[in-house]
Protein backbone atom coordinates (compact mmCIF):
# COMPACT_ATOMS: atom_id res chain seq x y z
CA MET A 1 239.47 47.02 -55.23
CA GLU A 2 242.35 44.67 -54.46
CA THR A 3 243.25 43.51 -50.98
CA LEU A 4 245.99 41.21 -49.81
CA PRO A 5 244.69 37.82 -48.63
CA GLY A 6 243.42 37.98 -45.06
CA SER A 7 244.19 41.68 -44.72
CA LEU A 8 242.64 45.08 -45.31
CA TRP A 9 244.94 46.81 -47.79
CA LEU A 10 244.51 48.85 -50.96
CA THR A 11 247.38 48.07 -53.34
CA ARG A 12 246.34 49.01 -56.87
CA PRO A 13 247.57 52.49 -57.86
CA GLY A 14 244.22 53.38 -59.43
CA ASP A 15 242.29 52.33 -56.33
CA ILE A 16 244.66 54.28 -54.09
CA GLN A 17 244.35 57.44 -56.21
CA THR A 18 240.54 57.20 -56.23
CA HIS A 19 240.47 56.58 -52.48
CA LEU A 20 242.71 59.60 -51.76
CA ALA A 21 240.62 61.81 -54.05
CA CYS A 22 237.49 60.84 -52.10
CA ALA A 23 239.25 61.49 -48.78
CA ALA A 24 240.25 64.95 -50.05
CA ALA A 25 236.73 65.71 -51.26
CA GLU A 26 235.28 64.83 -47.85
CA ARG A 27 237.90 67.05 -46.11
CA ARG A 28 238.27 64.59 -43.27
CA PRO A 29 240.93 65.44 -40.64
CA VAL A 30 244.37 63.96 -41.31
CA THR A 31 247.31 63.58 -38.92
CA ILE A 32 250.87 63.26 -40.21
CA ILE A 33 253.19 61.50 -37.76
CA GLY A 34 256.93 60.91 -37.85
CA GLY A 35 260.05 61.62 -35.81
CA GLY A 36 258.12 63.26 -32.99
CA LEU A 37 256.01 65.26 -35.46
CA HIS A 38 252.21 65.51 -35.07
CA ALA A 39 250.72 67.72 -37.78
CA ASP A 40 246.95 68.06 -38.22
CA GLY A 41 245.30 69.12 -41.46
CA VAL A 42 243.39 67.84 -44.48
CA PHE A 43 244.14 66.30 -47.85
CA GLN A 44 243.61 68.41 -50.94
CA ALA A 45 243.06 67.08 -54.45
CA PRO A 46 246.02 64.74 -55.04
CA GLU A 47 248.70 65.49 -57.60
CA VAL A 48 249.76 62.85 -60.10
CA SER A 49 252.85 62.21 -57.97
CA GLY A 50 250.87 61.62 -54.78
CA PRO A 51 248.62 63.13 -52.07
CA THR A 52 248.74 66.79 -51.04
CA PHE A 53 248.53 67.64 -47.32
CA GLN A 54 247.37 71.10 -46.17
CA PRO A 55 248.46 71.70 -42.54
CA ASP A 56 245.99 73.33 -40.16
CA THR A 57 247.08 76.97 -39.91
CA ARG A 58 245.83 77.14 -36.30
CA THR A 59 248.34 74.52 -35.16
CA MET A 60 251.05 75.01 -37.78
CA VAL A 61 254.16 72.92 -37.18
CA PRO A 62 257.43 72.89 -39.16
CA ALA A 63 257.52 70.44 -42.04
CA PRO A 64 259.84 67.46 -41.74
CA ARG A 65 262.97 67.39 -43.85
CA ILE A 66 262.54 66.63 -47.54
CA GLY A 67 262.63 62.88 -48.08
CA ALA A 68 261.62 62.05 -44.50
CA THR A 69 259.32 59.05 -44.01
CA VAL A 70 256.02 59.92 -42.32
CA LYS A 71 252.74 58.16 -41.57
CA ALA A 72 249.34 59.58 -42.50
CA GLU A 73 246.28 58.63 -40.40
CA TYR A 74 242.72 59.64 -41.21
CA CYS A 75 239.11 58.48 -41.32
CA ALA A 76 236.82 58.07 -44.29
CA ARG A 77 233.19 57.11 -43.84
CA THR A 78 233.12 54.43 -41.08
CA ASP A 79 236.74 53.26 -41.35
CA ALA A 80 240.15 54.54 -40.29
CA TYR A 81 243.07 54.41 -42.73
CA SER A 82 246.82 54.89 -42.68
CA PHE A 83 249.80 54.73 -45.02
CA PHE A 84 253.52 55.46 -45.02
CA THR A 85 254.96 57.96 -47.47
CA ARG A 86 257.81 60.44 -47.97
CA LEU A 87 257.76 64.24 -48.15
CA ILE A 88 258.68 65.34 -51.67
CA THR A 89 258.51 69.12 -51.23
CA VAL A 90 256.58 72.00 -49.64
CA ASP A 91 254.99 74.35 -52.19
CA ALA A 92 254.62 78.14 -52.03
CA ARG A 93 251.21 77.78 -50.34
CA GLY A 94 252.66 75.70 -47.51
CA ARG A 95 251.17 72.44 -48.75
CA TRP A 96 253.14 69.23 -48.31
CA LEU A 97 253.46 67.19 -51.51
CA LEU A 98 253.77 63.53 -50.57
CA GLN A 99 254.97 60.50 -52.49
CA ALA A 100 252.20 58.20 -53.71
CA PRO A 101 251.90 55.37 -51.17
CA MET A 102 252.52 51.79 -52.25
CA ALA A 103 249.61 50.60 -50.10
CA VAL A 104 246.87 52.02 -47.86
CA GLU A 105 245.83 50.06 -44.79
CA ARG A 106 242.29 50.08 -43.45
CA CYS A 107 243.37 49.88 -39.85
CA GLU A 108 240.08 49.82 -37.99
CA ARG A 109 236.46 49.19 -38.79
CA ARG A 110 233.86 50.64 -36.47
CA THR A 111 231.68 47.72 -35.43
CA ALA A 112 230.27 49.19 -32.22
CA ASN A 113 227.07 51.20 -32.18
CA ARG A 114 227.62 54.72 -30.90
CA HIS A 115 225.09 56.94 -29.15
CA VAL A 116 225.34 60.65 -29.84
CA VAL A 117 225.13 62.14 -26.35
CA VAL A 118 226.24 65.72 -26.96
CA GLY A 119 223.97 68.10 -25.05
CA VAL A 120 222.60 65.38 -22.76
CA SER A 121 223.06 66.14 -19.06
CA GLY A 122 225.21 63.74 -17.06
CA PHE A 123 227.77 62.74 -19.73
CA CYS A 124 231.31 64.07 -19.30
CA PHE A 125 234.96 63.04 -18.99
CA ARG A 126 237.05 64.42 -16.11
CA LEU A 127 240.79 64.86 -16.72
CA VAL A 128 242.06 63.76 -13.32
CA THR A 129 245.75 64.14 -14.24
CA GLN A 130 245.45 67.87 -15.01
CA SER A 131 245.33 70.76 -12.57
CA GLY A 132 241.77 71.48 -11.48
CA GLN A 133 240.53 68.20 -13.00
CA PRO A 134 238.65 69.94 -15.85
CA LEU A 135 235.51 68.42 -17.33
CA LEU A 136 235.26 67.72 -21.05
CA GLY A 137 231.98 67.14 -22.84
CA LEU A 138 231.18 63.95 -24.73
CA TYR A 139 230.03 63.89 -28.33
CA ASP A 140 229.28 60.18 -28.53
CA LEU A 141 229.74 56.94 -26.60
CA SER A 142 230.03 53.22 -27.31
CA ASP A 143 231.31 50.23 -25.37
CA GLN A 144 234.55 50.55 -27.36
CA GLY A 145 235.32 54.23 -26.85
CA ILE A 146 234.16 57.83 -26.53
CA ALA A 147 234.39 61.02 -28.55
CA ILE A 148 235.56 63.94 -26.43
CA VAL A 149 234.78 67.60 -27.14
CA ALA A 150 237.65 69.95 -26.23
CA ASP A 151 238.37 73.65 -26.67
CA SER A 152 241.63 73.90 -28.65
CA ARG A 153 242.59 77.04 -26.72
CA ARG A 154 242.81 74.95 -23.54
CA HIS A 155 243.34 71.32 -24.51
CA VAL A 156 245.13 69.79 -27.53
CA PHE A 157 245.51 66.03 -27.93
CA HIS A 158 247.34 64.02 -30.60
CA VAL A 159 246.69 60.74 -32.41
CA ASP A 160 248.05 57.79 -30.35
CA GLU A 161 248.13 59.93 -27.18
CA ARG A 162 246.67 58.23 -24.11
CA ILE A 163 244.48 60.19 -21.71
CA PHE A 164 243.51 59.09 -18.21
CA GLY A 165 240.29 60.31 -16.63
CA VAL A 166 236.92 59.47 -15.12
CA LEU A 167 233.90 58.81 -17.33
CA HIS A 168 230.58 60.03 -15.95
CA THR A 169 227.27 58.71 -17.32
CA PRO A 170 223.72 59.35 -16.02
CA GLY A 171 222.69 57.11 -13.15
CA GLU A 172 225.91 55.06 -13.15
CA MET A 173 229.00 54.97 -10.95
CA PRO A 174 231.91 57.02 -12.35
CA LEU A 175 234.35 54.87 -14.32
CA GLU A 176 238.11 55.38 -14.26
CA ALA A 177 239.30 54.87 -17.82
CA GLU A 178 242.30 55.29 -20.05
CA VAL A 179 241.54 56.19 -23.67
CA GLU A 180 243.74 56.41 -26.75
CA VAL A 181 243.14 59.12 -29.36
CA ARG A 182 242.50 57.61 -32.80
CA HIS A 183 241.45 60.65 -34.81
CA CYS A 184 240.15 64.21 -34.48
CA ARG A 185 237.94 66.59 -36.44
CA ASP A 186 236.52 70.09 -36.16
CA TYR A 187 233.23 70.60 -34.34
CA PRO A 188 230.66 71.90 -36.87
CA ARG A 189 230.29 75.69 -36.81
CA GLN A 190 232.36 76.01 -33.61
CA PRO A 191 235.80 77.35 -34.60
CA HIS A 192 237.58 76.57 -31.31
CA LEU A 193 236.09 73.13 -30.60
CA ARG A 194 237.48 69.80 -31.76
CA ILE A 195 236.08 66.28 -31.46
CA TYR A 196 238.57 63.56 -30.51
CA GLY A 197 237.57 59.99 -31.27
CA THR A 198 239.12 57.59 -28.77
CA ARG A 199 239.11 53.91 -27.82
CA PHE A 200 239.21 52.43 -24.35
CA VAL A 201 242.49 50.85 -23.25
CA GLY A 202 242.76 47.97 -20.79
CA LEU A 203 239.20 47.74 -19.47
CA ASN A 204 238.71 44.59 -17.40
CA SER A 205 235.96 42.16 -18.40
CA GLU A 206 233.60 43.19 -15.57
CA VAL A 207 233.80 46.89 -16.41
CA GLN A 208 233.50 46.13 -20.13
CA ALA A 209 230.34 44.08 -19.53
CA SER A 210 228.81 46.81 -17.37
CA LEU A 211 229.57 49.46 -19.96
CA SER A 212 228.16 47.31 -22.78
CA GLU A 213 224.94 46.81 -20.81
CA PHE A 214 224.59 50.55 -20.26
CA VAL A 215 225.21 51.35 -23.93
CA MET A 216 222.66 48.75 -25.07
CA SER A 217 219.96 49.94 -22.67
CA TRP A 218 220.46 53.72 -22.84
CA ARG A 219 217.96 55.79 -24.82
CA ARG A 220 218.22 59.49 -25.50
CA PRO A 221 215.67 61.44 -23.37
CA THR A 222 212.60 62.60 -25.23
CA PRO A 223 212.17 66.42 -25.13
CA LEU A 224 209.19 67.59 -23.10
């Protein structure tokens, strides 16, 4: 697998095609961005000409114009990827046929340990900028970010969107935090729930150290 010196890029056509086929097989969530467009969906088995994007029918948005340049963002295994491409056509099934990318960038590698905290009392994220300051559950937590659980009938967030709120953790002071959405996926066997992976933005060194200490010392409660 070829990479450019000092960078994290796939550049060989064969490597790119194999990578996209694996991403399609895993049915990981994909977001297509461009010109104000945010379309969520999944990759399907790629055509010879390039990847095939199936938009999510629950949040269907109009396709961009034919030939428009768009960016695809998605996760595969522990890494996040992106590439730029063009829309070739939309087929009769509503799938977007995309031009084969010249390169795929591995844009982030998860180096922080994450605790799965879903179902544990005391973990939540309060949306202080929205009416009623609703509480959202947490799926997991690290010193680099959180994964938020949201009901798509009430809350929809997009990749690169920033959300301001208050993070609550057991036994600790609430923490005001801004997070940036990096990716999203469906919650298993819960048709209306989505999990939004985010990263913290602009935490000062004192808060970052306190959060890191909590993450390192926290242990999931043992059931009685």
